[in-house]
Amino acid sequence: MRVALVSDIHGNLPALQAVAAAIEAAGADLVLNLGDIAAGPLWPRETVAWLAERGWPTIAGNHERQALAAAPSRDPADGDDAWTAAELGAAERAWLAALPATLSAADGAIEAFHGVPGRDVIGLLETVTAGYRAGGDPGVRAATAGEIDARLAGLRASVLVCGHTHWPRVVRLADGTLAVNPGSVGRPAYAHDRPHHHVVETGSPHTRWALLQRTDEGWTAQLQQTAYDWDGAARRAAAQGFADWAHELATGRTRPGVFS
């Protein structure tokens, strides 16, 4: 059995369509979508409509919750969620509002959640620190085994899949559990100031996803990257007044001086 993982699409429809073509070519039996679907200055409404037609098993991320609660605004100063709220129609809102926070797949072998079980704004496999320094410490590091175990709060399955941090990572836990974050389909880098300043950068503008495979020996995971028209996505972000997004989409890195 092959299971494709996508996460953190952030309204980047061309990236999603490129990944969907790659998933089809890989012969996946199932696609799981791990949340943060629409938020951002790209194609949020179109992305939701495209996904609603596909019927992939999908969970909500923190940005679904935030965009549905945000006051609609197309002013970039009001942020990604407000811009998304202004773009979504009634049908897209209803589809997003109905998404569950977790799901099980492959007869319970896979457990999916966006951040950590019960909280959608904490990463499972990464830890934000207070050490950010421009050009040096990014303010985020790989989580320790103890941190991961504490965040799981006893949840176990053959495979645990998550998103949120945009950092592609595969970790084999001490008990053999496979934990996978496929990275972000739609935003290869970002900067955030909570709980401390930190940046995540994949270093290239490629879209990211992952492919799980179940064999007689158990589950394995392969991280994937796929090319698409990232320059077109960057132009779209720039046209909406989101310069940081435009730089991130074109380069896979955050804009120099992003916190200045």
C-alpha atoms as a PDB file:
ATOM      1  CA  MET A   1       0.000   0.000   0.000  1.00  0.00           C
ATOM      2  CA  ARG A   2       1.194   3.492  -0.854  1.00  0.00           C
ATOM      3  CA  VAL A   3      -0.109   6.576   0.943  1.00  0.00           C
ATOM      4  CA  ALA A   4       0.784  10.109  -0.176  1.00  0.00           C
ATOM      5  CA  LEU A   5       0.951  12.884   2.403  1.00  0.00           C
ATOM      6  CA  VAL A   6       0.345  16.551   1.630  1.00  0.00           C
ATOM      7  CA  SER A   7       0.196  19.417   4.110  1.00  0.00           C
ATOM      8  CA  ASP A   8       0.313  23.185   4.443  1.00  0.00           C
ATOM      9  CA  ILE A   9      -0.916  23.952   0.938  1.00  0.00           C
ATOM     10  CA  HIS A  10      -1.662  27.581   1.860  1.00  0.00           C
ATOM     11  CA  GLY A  11      -3.744  28.274  -1.210  1.00  0.00           C
ATOM     12  CA  ASN A  12      -0.941  27.470  -3.646  1.00  0.00           C
ATOM     13  CA  LEU A  13      -3.049  25.748  -6.286  1.00  0.00           C
ATOM     14  CA  PRO A  14      -0.343  25.356  -8.992  1.00  0.00           C
ATOM     15  CA  ALA A  15       1.936  23.674  -6.451  1.00  0.00           C
ATOM     16  CA  LEU A  16      -0.897  21.382  -5.346  1.00  0.00           C
ATOM     17  CA  GLN A  17      -1.721  20.427  -8.920  1.00  0.00           C
ATOM     18  CA  ALA A  18       1.935  19.600  -9.621  1.00  0.00           C
ATOM     19  CA  VAL A  19       2.045  17.410  -6.524  1.00  0.00           C
ATOM     20  CA  ALA A  20      -1.214  15.700  -7.483  1.00  0.00           C
ATOM     21  CA  ALA A  21       0.304  14.769 -10.847  1.00  0.00           C
ATOM     22  CA  ALA A  22       3.414  13.406  -9.129  1.00  0.00           C
ATOM     23  CA  ILE A  23       1.274  11.422  -6.693  1.00  0.00           C
ATOM     24  CA  GLU A  24      -0.673   9.875  -9.556  1.00  0.00           C
ATOM     25  CA  ALA A  25       2.571   8.943 -11.279  1.00  0.00           C
ATOM     26  CA  ALA A  26       3.808   7.329  -8.054  1.00  0.00           C
ATOM     27  CA  GLY A  27       0.760   5.085  -7.940  1.00  0.00           C
ATOM     28  CA  ALA A  28      -0.489   6.131  -4.510  1.00  0.00           C
ATOM     29  CA  ASP A  29      -3.556   4.284  -3.244  1.00  0.00           C
ATOM     30  CA  LEU A  30      -4.587   7.062  -0.871  1.00  0.00           C
ATOM     31  CA  VAL A  31      -3.825  10.747  -0.308  1.00  0.00           C
ATOM     32  CA  LEU A  32      -4.021  12.305   3.170  1.00  0.00           C
ATOM     33  CA  ASN A  33      -4.204  16.098   3.506  1.00  0.00           C
ATOM     34  CA  LEU A  34      -2.895  17.338   6.865  1.00  0.00           C
ATOM     35  CA  GLY A  35      -4.303  20.858   7.028  1.00  0.00           C
ATOM     36  CA  ASP A  36      -3.511  24.557   6.562  1.00  0.00           C
ATOM     37  CA  ILE A  37      -5.211  24.447   3.222  1.00  0.00           C
ATOM     38  CA  ALA A  38      -6.161  27.932   2.143  1.00  0.00           C
ATOM     39  CA  ALA A  39      -4.504  30.671   4.203  1.00  0.00           C
ATOM     40  CA  GLY A  40      -2.378  33.048   2.170  1.00  0.00           C
ATOM     41  CA  PRO A  41      -2.466  35.586  -0.659  1.00  0.00           C
ATOM     42  CA  LEU A  42      -2.556  33.099  -3.543  1.00  0.00           C
ATOM     43  CA  TRP A  43      -5.645  31.079  -4.597  1.00  0.00           C
ATOM     44  CA  PRO A  44      -7.460  30.127  -1.356  1.00  0.00           C
ATOM     45  CA  ARG A  45     -10.976  29.865  -2.767  1.00  0.00           C
ATOM     46  CA  GLU A  46      -9.865  27.958  -5.851  1.00  0.00           C
ATOM     47  CA  THR A  47      -7.741  25.606  -3.782  1.00  0.00           C
ATOM     48  CA  VAL A  48     -10.622  24.690  -1.480  1.00  0.00           C
ATOM     49  CA  ALA A  49     -12.925  24.131  -4.453  1.00  0.00           C
ATOM     50  CA  TRP A  50     -10.326  21.896  -6.140  1.00  0.00           C
ATOM     51  CA  LEU A  51      -9.844  19.798  -3.009  1.00  0.00           C
ATOM     52  CA  ALA A  52     -13.562  19.513  -2.304  1.00  0.00           C
ATOM     53  CA  GLU A  53     -13.972  17.840  -5.703  1.00  0.00           C
ATOM     54  CA  ARG A  54     -11.213  15.292  -4.996  1.00  0.00           C
ATOM     55  CA  GLY A  55     -12.525  13.898  -1.721  1.00  0.00           C
ATOM     56  CA  TRP A  56      -9.117  13.228  -0.190  1.00  0.00           C
ATOM     57  CA  PRO A  57      -9.299  12.473   3.541  1.00  0.00           C
ATOM     58  CA  THR A  58      -8.476  15.863   5.072  1.00  0.00           C
ATOM     59  CA  ILE A  59      -8.011  17.367   8.517  1.00  0.00           C
ATOM     60  CA  ALA A  60      -8.115  20.984   9.639  1.00  0.00           C
ATOM     61  CA  GLY A  61      -5.032  22.962  10.579  1.00  0.00           C
ATOM     62  CA  ASN A  62      -4.763  26.052  12.724  1.00  0.00           C
ATOM     63  CA  HIS A  63      -5.239  28.334   9.733  1.00  0.00           C
ATOM     64  CA  GLU A  64      -8.638  26.843   8.960  1.00  0.00           C
ATOM     65  CA  ARG A  65      -9.764  27.843  12.430  1.00  0.00           C
ATOM     66  CA  GLN A  66      -8.080  31.249  12.214  1.00  0.00           C
ATOM     67  CA  ALA A  67      -9.335  32.162   8.749  1.00  0.00           C
ATOM     68  CA  LEU A  68     -12.911  31.222   9.592  1.00  0.00           C
ATOM     69  CA  ALA A  69     -12.756  33.463  12.670  1.00  0.00           C
ATOM     70  CA  ALA A  70     -10.919  36.403  11.051  1.00  0.00           C
ATOM     71  CA  ALA A  71     -12.512  39.681  10.045  1.00  0.00           C
ATOM     72  CA  PRO A  72     -12.297  39.801   6.229  1.00  0.00           C
ATOM     73  CA  SER A  73      -9.724  42.273   4.890  1.00  0.00           C
ATOM     74  CA  ARG A  74      -7.598  42.553   1.764  1.00  0.00           C
ATOM     75  CA  ASP A  75      -5.069  44.791   3.496  1.00  0.00           C
ATOM     76  CA  PRO A  76      -1.767  42.838   3.767  1.00  0.00           C
ATOM     77  CA  ALA A  77      -1.160  44.515   7.124  1.00  0.00           C
ATOM     78  CA  ASP A  78      -4.093  42.524   8.515  1.00  0.00           C
ATOM     79  CA  GLY A  79      -2.383  39.228   7.700  1.00  0.00           C
ATOM     80  CA  ASP A  80      -2.882  36.002   5.788  1.00  0.00           C
ATOM     81  CA  ASP A  81      -6.024  34.830   7.555  1.00  0.00           C
ATOM     82  CA  ALA A  82      -7.913  38.088   7.073  1.00  0.00           C
ATOM     83  CA  TRP A  83      -7.048  38.110   3.366  1.00  0.00           C
ATOM     84  CA  THR A  84      -8.221  34.498   3.082  1.00  0.00           C
ATOM     85  CA  ALA A  85     -11.435  35.306   4.925  1.00  0.00           C
ATOM     86  CA  ALA A  86     -12.165  37.976   2.329  1.00  0.00           C
ATOM     87  CA  GLU A  87     -11.695  35.475  -0.502  1.00  0.00           C
ATOM     88  CA  LEU A  88     -13.701  32.497   0.762  1.00  0.00           C
ATOM     89  CA  GLY A  89     -17.319  32.035  -0.227  1.00  0.00           C
ATOM     90  CA  ALA A  90     -20.075  30.297   1.715  1.00  0.00           C
ATOM     91  CA  ALA A  91     -19.413  26.905   0.124  1.00  0.00           C
ATOM     92  CA  GLU A  92     -15.694  27.020   0.880  1.00  0.00           C
ATOM     93  CA  ARG A  93     -16.341  28.120   4.454  1.00  0.00           C
ATOM     94  CA  ALA A  94     -18.779  25.273   5.014  1.00  0.00           C
ATOM     95  CA  TRP A  95     -16.329  22.705   3.650  1.00  0.00           C
ATOM     96  CA  LEU A  96     -13.491  23.965   5.852  1.00  0.00           C
ATOM     97  CA  ALA A  97     -15.693  24.185   8.946  1.00  0.00           C
ATOM     98  CA  ALA A  98     -16.687  20.534   8.586  1.00  0.00           C
ATOM     99  CA  LEU A  99     -13.120  19.184   8.611  1.00  0.00           C
ATOM    100  CA  PRO A 100     -12.105  17.001  11.574  1.00  0.00           C
ATOM    101  CA  ALA A 101      -9.029  17.700  13.696  1.00  0.00           C
ATOM    102  CA  THR A 102      -7.705  14.140  13.394  1.00  0.00           C
ATOM    103  CA  LEU A 103      -8.224  11.017  11.345  1.00  0.00           C
ATOM    104  CA  SER A 104      -7.161   7.387  11.187  1.00  0.00           C
ATOM    105  CA  ALA A 105      -6.288   5.584   7.971  1.00  0.00           C
ATOM    106  CA  ALA A 106      -5.038   2.226   6.709  1.00  0.00           C
ATOM    107  CA  ASP A 107      -7.143   0.302   9.244  1.00  0.00           C
ATOM    108  CA  GLY A 108      -5.752   2.332  12.118  1.00  0.00           C
ATOM    109  CA  ALA A 109      -2.100   1.960  11.138  1.00  0.00           C
ATOM    110  CA  ILE A 110      -1.859   5.718  10.447  1.00  0.00           C
ATOM    111  CA  GLU A 111      -2.918   8.468  12.843  1.00  0.00           C
ATOM    112  CA  ALA A 112      -3.018  12.000  11.422  1.00  0.00           C
ATOM    113  CA  PHE A 113      -3.118  15.382  13.150  1.00  0.00           C
ATOM    114  CA  HIS A 114      -1.899  18.842  12.165  1.00  0.00           C
ATOM    115  CA  GLY A 115       0.405  19.913  15.008  1.00  0.00           C
ATOM    116  CA  VAL A 116       0.328  17.572  17.990  1.00  0.00           C
ATOM    117  CA  PRO A 117      -2.646  15.618  19.345  1.00  0.00           C
ATOM    118  CA  GLY A 118      -5.082  18.144  20.764  1.00  0.00           C
ATOM    119  CA  ARG A 119      -3.128  21.267  19.742  1.00  0.00           C
ATOM    120  CA  ASP A 120      -2.747  22.593  16.211  1.00  0.00           C
ATOM    121  CA  VAL A 121      -0.146  25.324  16.868  1.00  0.00           C
ATOM    122  CA  ILE A 122       2.698  23.187  18.247  1.00  0.00           C
ATOM    123  CA  GLY A 123       4.995  21.166  15.990  1.00  0.00           C
ATOM    124  CA  LEU A 124       5.627  17.528  16.861  1.00  0.00           C
ATOM    125  CA  LEU A 125       9.110  17.078  15.443  1.00  0.00           C
ATOM    126  CA  GLU A 126      10.543  20.591  15.941  1.00  0.00           C
ATOM    127  CA  THR A 127      11.035  22.867  18.949  1.00  0.00           C
ATOM    128  CA  VAL A 128      11.016  26.667  18.813  1.00  0.00           C
ATOM    129  CA  THR A 129      13.740  28.225  20.982  1.00  0.00           C
ATOM    130  CA  ALA A 130      14.618  31.724  22.141  1.00  0.00           C
ATOM    131  CA  GLY A 131      17.927  31.636  20.309  1.00  0.00           C
ATOM    132  CA  TYR A 132      17.084  33.291  16.983  1.00  0.00           C
ATOM    133  CA  ARG A 133      19.918  35.313  15.494  1.00  0.00           C
ATOM    134  CA  ALA A 134      19.815  36.775  11.985  1.00  0.00           C
ATOM    135  CA  GLY A 135      22.225  34.881   9.766  1.00  0.00           C
ATOM    136  CA  GLY A 136      22.829  32.318  12.506  1.00  0.00           C
ATOM    137  CA  ASP A 137      20.504  30.387  14.790  1.00  0.00           C
ATOM    138  CA  PRO A 138      17.085  30.037  13.087  1.00  0.00           C
ATOM    139  CA  GLY A 139      15.327  29.775  16.443  1.00  0.00           C
ATOM    140  CA  VAL A 140      14.009  26.280  15.765  1.00  0.00           C
ATOM    141  CA  ARG A 141      15.650  22.860  16.078  1.00  0.00           C
ATOM    142  CA  ALA A 142      14.800  19.186  15.833  1.00  0.00           C
ATOM    143  CA  ALA A 143      12.808  18.023  18.846  1.00  0.00           C
ATOM    144  CA  THR A 144      14.394  15.573  21.258  1.00  0.00           C
ATOM    145  CA  ALA A 145      12.961  12.099  21.780  1.00  0.00           C
ATOM    146  CA  GLY A 146      11.655  13.192  25.173  1.00  0.00           C
ATOM    147  CA  GLU A 147       9.929  16.251  23.719  1.00  0.00           C
ATOM    148  CA  ILE A 148       8.254  14.183  21.024  1.00  0.00           C
ATOM    149  CA  ASP A 149       7.080  11.572  23.519  1.00  0.00           C
ATOM    150  CA  ALA A 150       5.619  14.226  25.830  1.00  0.00           C
ATOM    151  CA  ARG A 151       3.727  15.867  22.950  1.00  0.00           C
ATOM    152  CA  LEU A 152       2.228  12.575  21.850  1.00  0.00           C
ATOM    153  CA  ALA A 153       0.678  12.066  25.301  1.00  0.00           C
ATOM    154  CA  GLY A 154       0.562   8.316  24.843  1.00  0.00           C
ATOM    155  CA  LEU A 155      -0.776   8.239  21.277  1.00  0.00           C
ATOM    156  CA  ARG A 156       0.800   5.468  19.215  1.00  0.00           C
ATOM    157  CA  ALA A 157       0.241   3.878  15.821  1.00  0.00           C
ATOM    158  CA  SER A 158       2.493   2.318  13.222  1.00  0.00           C
ATOM    159  CA  VAL A 159       2.746   5.732  11.554  1.00  0.00           C
ATOM    160  CA  LEU A 160       2.067   9.199  12.967  1.00  0.00           C
ATOM    161  CA  VAL A 161       1.724  11.970  10.373  1.00  0.00           C
ATOM    162  CA  CYS A 162       1.644  15.711  11.005  1.00  0.00           C
ATOM    163  CA  GLY A 163       2.291  19.099   9.433  1.00  0.00           C
ATOM    164  CA  HIS A 164       2.331  22.680  10.711  1.00  0.00           C
ATOM    165  CA  THR A 165       6.074  23.442  10.798  1.00  0.00           C
ATOM    166  CA  HIS A 166       6.675  23.072   7.017  1.00  0.00           C
ATOM    167  CA  TRP A 167       9.897  21.201   7.839  1.00  0.00           C
ATOM    168  CA  PRO A 168      10.104  17.866   5.932  1.00  0.00           C
ATOM    169  CA  ARG A 169      11.243  15.224   8.393  1.00  0.00           C
ATOM    170  CA  VAL A 170      11.073  11.478   9.050  1.00  0.00           C
ATOM    171  CA  VAL A 171      11.803  10.200  12.561  1.00  0.00           C
ATOM    172  CA  ARG A 172      11.817   6.596  13.762  1.00  0.00           C
ATOM    173  CA  LEU A 173      10.885   6.590  17.452  1.00  0.00           C
ATOM    174  CA  ALA A 174      12.474   4.218  19.941  1.00  0.00           C
ATOM    175  CA  ASP A 175       9.473   1.876  19.907  1.00  0.00           C
ATOM    176  CA  GLY A 176       9.566   1.641  16.105  1.00  0.00           C
ATOM    177  CA  THR A 177       6.783   4.154  15.433  1.00  0.00           C
ATOM    178  CA  LEU A 178       7.381   6.136  12.252  1.00  0.00           C
ATOM    179  CA  ALA A 179       6.687   9.884  12.553  1.00  0.00           C
ATOM    180  CA  VAL A 180       6.496  11.902   9.328  1.00  0.00           C
ATOM    181  CA  ASN A 181       6.055  15.558   8.446  1.00  0.00           C
ATOM    182  CA  PRO A 182       5.871  15.851   4.635  1.00  0.00           C
ATOM    183  CA  GLY A 183       6.749  19.556   4.617  1.00  0.00           C
ATOM    184  CA  SER A 184       4.717  22.234   2.889  1.00  0.00           C
ATOM    185  CA  VAL A 185       3.125  21.974  -0.522  1.00  0.00           C
ATOM    186  CA  GLY A 186       2.618  25.701  -0.773  1.00  0.00           C
ATOM    187  CA  ARG A 187       5.112  27.719   1.269  1.00  0.00           C
ATOM    188  CA  PRO A 188       8.761  26.592   1.404  1.00  0.00           C
ATOM    189  CA  ALA A 189       9.860  29.177   3.978  1.00  0.00           C
ATOM    190  CA  TYR A 190       8.326  31.472   6.567  1.00  0.00           C
ATOM    191  CA  ALA A 191       9.128  33.634   9.580  1.00  0.00           C
ATOM    192  CA  HIS A 192       7.080  33.685  12.777  1.00  0.00           C
ATOM    193  CA  ASP A 193       7.303  35.599  16.028  1.00  0.00           C
ATOM    194  CA  ARG A 194       5.474  33.184  18.374  1.00  0.00           C
ATOM    195  CA  PRO A 195       6.384  31.861  20.856  1.00  0.00           C
ATOM    196  CA  HIS A 196       9.767  33.372  19.835  1.00  0.00           C
ATOM    197  CA  HIS A 197      11.220  34.713  16.601  1.00  0.00           C
ATOM    198  CA  HIS A 198      12.118  31.831  14.297  1.00  0.00           C
ATOM    199  CA  VAL A 199      12.446  31.025  10.616  1.00  0.00           C
ATOM    200  CA  VAL A 200      11.931  27.820   8.658  1.00  0.00           C
ATOM    201  CA  GLU A 201      13.610  27.547   5.271  1.00  0.00           C
ATOM    202  CA  THR A 202      13.840  24.546   2.955  1.00  0.00           C
ATOM    203  CA  GLY A 203      16.349  26.412   0.792  1.00  0.00           C
ATOM    204  CA  SER A 204      14.608  25.784  -2.539  1.00  0.00           C
ATOM    205  CA  PRO A 205      11.242  26.806  -3.978  1.00  0.00           C
ATOM    206  CA  HIS A 206      10.124  23.235  -4.735  1.00  0.00           C
ATOM    207  CA  THR A 207       6.852  21.957  -3.376  1.00  0.00           C
ATOM    208  CA  ARG A 208       7.188  19.184  -0.752  1.00  0.00           C
ATOM    209  CA  TRP A 209       5.219  16.026   0.027  1.00  0.00           C
ATOM    210  CA  ALA A 210       5.873  12.469   1.200  1.00  0.00           C
ATOM    211  CA  LEU A 211       5.116   8.908   0.157  1.00  0.00           C
ATOM    212  CA  LEU A 212       4.486   6.153   2.697  1.00  0.00           C
ATOM    213  CA  GLN A 213       4.753   2.512   1.686  1.00  0.00           C
ATOM    214  CA  ARG A 214       3.715  -0.588   3.598  1.00  0.00           C
ATOM    215  CA  THR A 215       5.773  -3.680   2.865  1.00  0.00           C
ATOM    216  CA  ASP A 216       6.168  -7.054   4.551  1.00  0.00           C
ATOM    217  CA  GLU A 217       8.852  -5.451   6.734  1.00  0.00           C
ATOM    218  CA  GLY A 218       6.626  -2.550   7.839  1.00  0.00           C
ATOM    219  CA  TRP A 219       6.185   1.091   6.870  1.00  0.00           C
ATOM    220  CA  THR A 220       8.752   3.327   5.191  1.00  0.00           C
ATOM    221  CA  ALA A 221       8.595   6.984   4.174  1.00  0.00           C
ATOM    222  CA  GLN A 222      10.232   8.923   1.371  1.00  0.00           C
ATOM    223  CA  LEU A 223      10.299  12.723   1.336  1.00  0.00           C
ATOM    224  CA  GLN A 224       9.581  14.163  -2.097  1.00  0.00           C
ATOM    225  CA  GLN A 225      10.033  17.495  -3.847  1.00  0.00           C
ATOM    226  CA  THR A 226       8.405  18.584  -7.085  1.00  0.00           C
ATOM    227  CA  ALA A 227       8.991  21.512  -9.404  1.00  0.00           C
ATOM    228  CA  TYR A 228       6.181  23.848 -10.444  1.00  0.00           C
ATOM    229  CA  ASP A 229       5.789  27.460 -11.628  1.00  0.00           C
ATOM    230  CA  TRP A 230       6.998  29.093  -8.416  1.00  0.00           C
ATOM    231  CA  ASP A 231       7.790  32.338 -10.206  1.00  0.00           C
ATOM    232  CA  GLY A 232       4.132  32.633 -11.140  1.00  0.00           C
ATOM    233  CA  ALA A 233       3.118  32.015  -7.534  1.00  0.00           C
ATOM    234  CA  ALA A 234       5.601  34.651  -6.368  1.00  0.00           C
ATOM    235  CA  ARG A 235       4.167  37.167  -8.836  1.00  0.00           C
ATOM    236  CA  ARG A 236       0.688  36.437  -7.518  1.00  0.00           C
ATOM    237  CA  ALA A 237       1.808  37.099  -3.929  1.00  0.00           C
ATOM    238  CA  ALA A 238       3.574  40.307  -4.940  1.00  0.00           C
ATOM    239  CA  ALA A 239       0.505  41.538  -6.796  1.00  0.00           C
ATOM    240  CA  GLN A 240      -1.507  41.189  -3.592  1.00  0.00           C
ATOM    241  CA  GLY A 241       1.089  43.198  -1.644  1.00  0.00           C
ATOM    242  CA  PHE A 242       2.701  40.282   0.225  1.00  0.00           C
ATOM    243  CA  ALA A 243       6.410  40.887  -0.429  1.00  0.00           C
ATOM    244  CA  ASP A 244       7.615  38.369   2.164  1.00  0.00           C
ATOM    245  CA  TRP A 245       5.566  35.621   0.576  1.00  0.00           C
ATOM    246  CA  ALA A 246       6.852  36.533  -2.887  1.00  0.00           C
ATOM    247  CA  HIS A 247      10.469  36.202  -1.757  1.00  0.00           C
ATOM    248  CA  GLU A 248       9.816  32.923   0.055  1.00  0.00           C
ATOM    249  CA  LEU A 249       7.995  31.363  -2.876  1.00  0.00           C
ATOM    250  CA  ALA A 250      10.700  32.334  -5.359  1.00  0.00           C
ATOM    251  CA  THR A 251      13.692  31.270  -3.257  1.00  0.00           C
ATOM    252  CA  GLY A 252      12.718  28.894  -0.468  1.00  0.00           C
ATOM    253  CA  ARG A 253      14.235  31.365   2.002  1.00  0.00           C
ATOM    254  CA  THR A 254      12.919  34.183   4.145  1.00  0.00           C
ATOM    255  CA  ARG A 255      13.567  37.780   3.193  1.00  0.00           C
ATOM    256  CA  PRO A 256      16.779  39.242   4.660  1.00  0.00           C
ATOM    257  CA  GLY A 257      15.967  41.440   7.634  1.00  0.00           C
ATOM    258  CA  VAL A 258      12.535  39.866   7.989  1.00  0.00           C
ATOM    259  CA  PHE A 259      12.329  40.779  11.681  1.00  0.00           C
ATOM    260  CA  SER A 260      13.789  44.270  11.346  1.00  0.00           C
END
